[in-house]
Amino acid sequence: MPHYIAIAVPTDVGEWRILIPDVPGCEARGYTVDDAKYAALTKLRQRLECELSLPPHPRDLAAIARDREWISRNNIDFSQAVIAIVPLSE
């Protein structure tokens, strides 16, 4: 089953912020990781339905962890992050 890696990090206001690194601009928030993951999944599906081209190729976690530019730009601290798998279909 095709899937994307989602990175969840806590915010200063007690929320969780989830980003999907392989889909630029795909970010969601929620008060629990599950809420944020559901919001991210909904946003991802909406985004992919609106795109006319093929979805971006998903990377594995090791490739994402090597993407220092993305990590820096999004202020990701992997010591506080929760990693989730976001399936493209149920």
Protein backbone atom coordinates (compact mmCIF):
# COMPACT_ATOMS: atom_id res chain seq x y z
CA MET A 1 0.00 0.00 0.00
CA PRO A 2 1.48 3.38 -0.96
CA HIS A 3 2.10 5.69 1.96
CA TYR A 4 3.85 8.85 3.05
CA ILE A 5 5.87 9.50 6.19
CA ALA A 6 4.38 12.12 8.49
CA ILE A 7 6.44 13.94 11.10
CA ALA A 8 4.54 15.11 14.19
CA VAL A 9 6.14 17.65 16.52
CA PRO A 10 4.69 19.35 19.60
CA THR A 11 4.04 23.08 19.46
CA ASP A 12 4.53 25.69 22.17
CA VAL A 13 0.74 25.94 22.69
CA GLY A 14 0.17 22.25 23.36
CA GLU A 15 -0.88 21.19 19.88
CA TRP A 16 0.73 18.70 17.54
CA ARG A 17 1.91 19.84 14.14
CA ILE A 18 2.14 17.21 11.43
CA LEU A 19 4.06 17.73 8.23
CA ILE A 20 4.30 15.43 5.23
CA PRO A 21 7.76 16.21 3.87
CA ASP A 22 7.17 14.81 0.39
CA VAL A 23 4.10 16.97 -0.26
CA PRO A 24 5.14 20.62 0.02
CA GLY A 25 2.77 22.71 2.07
CA CYS A 26 0.94 19.69 3.48
CA GLU A 27 0.72 20.50 7.18
CA ALA A 28 -1.98 20.05 9.80
CA ARG A 29 -2.47 20.62 13.51
CA GLY A 30 -4.46 18.99 16.27
CA TYR A 31 -4.58 18.71 20.05
CA THR A 32 -3.63 15.03 19.86
CA VAL A 33 -1.36 13.18 17.47
CA ASP A 34 -4.37 11.22 16.21
CA ASP A 35 -6.37 14.40 15.55
CA ALA A 36 -3.44 15.97 13.72
CA LYS A 37 -2.82 12.77 11.74
CA TYR A 38 -6.49 12.65 10.66
CA ALA A 39 -6.34 16.31 9.61
CA ALA A 40 -3.10 15.68 7.70
CA LEU A 41 -4.59 12.66 5.94
CA THR A 42 -7.66 14.68 4.95
CA LYS A 43 -5.51 17.53 3.66
CA LEU A 44 -3.23 15.13 1.78
CA ARG A 45 -6.15 13.43 0.03
CA GLN A 46 -7.73 16.76 -0.89
CA ARG A 47 -4.44 18.02 -2.24
CA LEU A 48 -3.81 14.90 -4.31
CA GLU A 49 -7.36 15.00 -5.73
CA CYS A 50 -6.83 18.60 -6.88
CA GLU A 51 -3.47 17.90 -8.51
CA LEU A 52 -3.50 17.04 -12.18
CA SER A 53 -0.07 15.43 -12.10
CA LEU A 54 1.10 12.27 -10.37
CA PRO A 55 1.63 12.50 -6.60
CA PRO A 56 5.19 13.08 -5.40
CA HIS A 57 7.23 9.93 -4.91
CA PRO A 58 7.36 9.10 -1.17
CA ARG A 59 10.77 8.87 0.49
CA ASP A 60 11.71 6.62 3.38
CA LEU A 61 12.50 8.04 6.81
CA ALA A 62 16.27 7.83 6.28
CA ALA A 63 16.04 10.03 3.18
CA ILE A 64 13.86 12.54 5.01
CA ALA A 65 16.29 12.62 7.95
CA ARG A 66 19.12 13.48 5.52
CA ASP A 67 17.17 16.44 4.10
CA ARG A 68 18.80 19.07 6.31
CA GLU A 69 17.26 21.96 4.37
CA TRP A 70 13.69 20.70 4.99
CA ILE A 71 14.46 19.93 8.66
CA SER A 72 15.91 23.40 9.23
CA ARG A 73 13.16 25.22 7.31
CA ASN A 74 10.45 23.45 9.35
CA ASN A 75 12.28 23.58 12.71
CA ILE A 76 12.08 19.80 13.23
CA ASP A 77 13.59 18.32 16.39
CA PHE A 78 13.58 14.55 15.88
CA SER A 79 14.16 14.02 19.63
CA GLN A 80 10.59 15.28 20.21
CA ALA A 81 9.01 14.00 17.00
CA VAL A 82 6.52 11.22 16.48
CA ILE A 83 6.74 9.45 13.15
CA ALA A 84 3.54 8.21 11.52
CA ILE A 85 2.65 6.40 8.33
CA VAL A 86 -0.09 8.07 6.29
CA PRO A 87 -1.63 5.62 3.78
CA LEU A 88 -2.89 6.94 0.47
CA SER A 89 -5.87 4.61 0.56
CA GLU A 90 -7.76 2.78 3.27
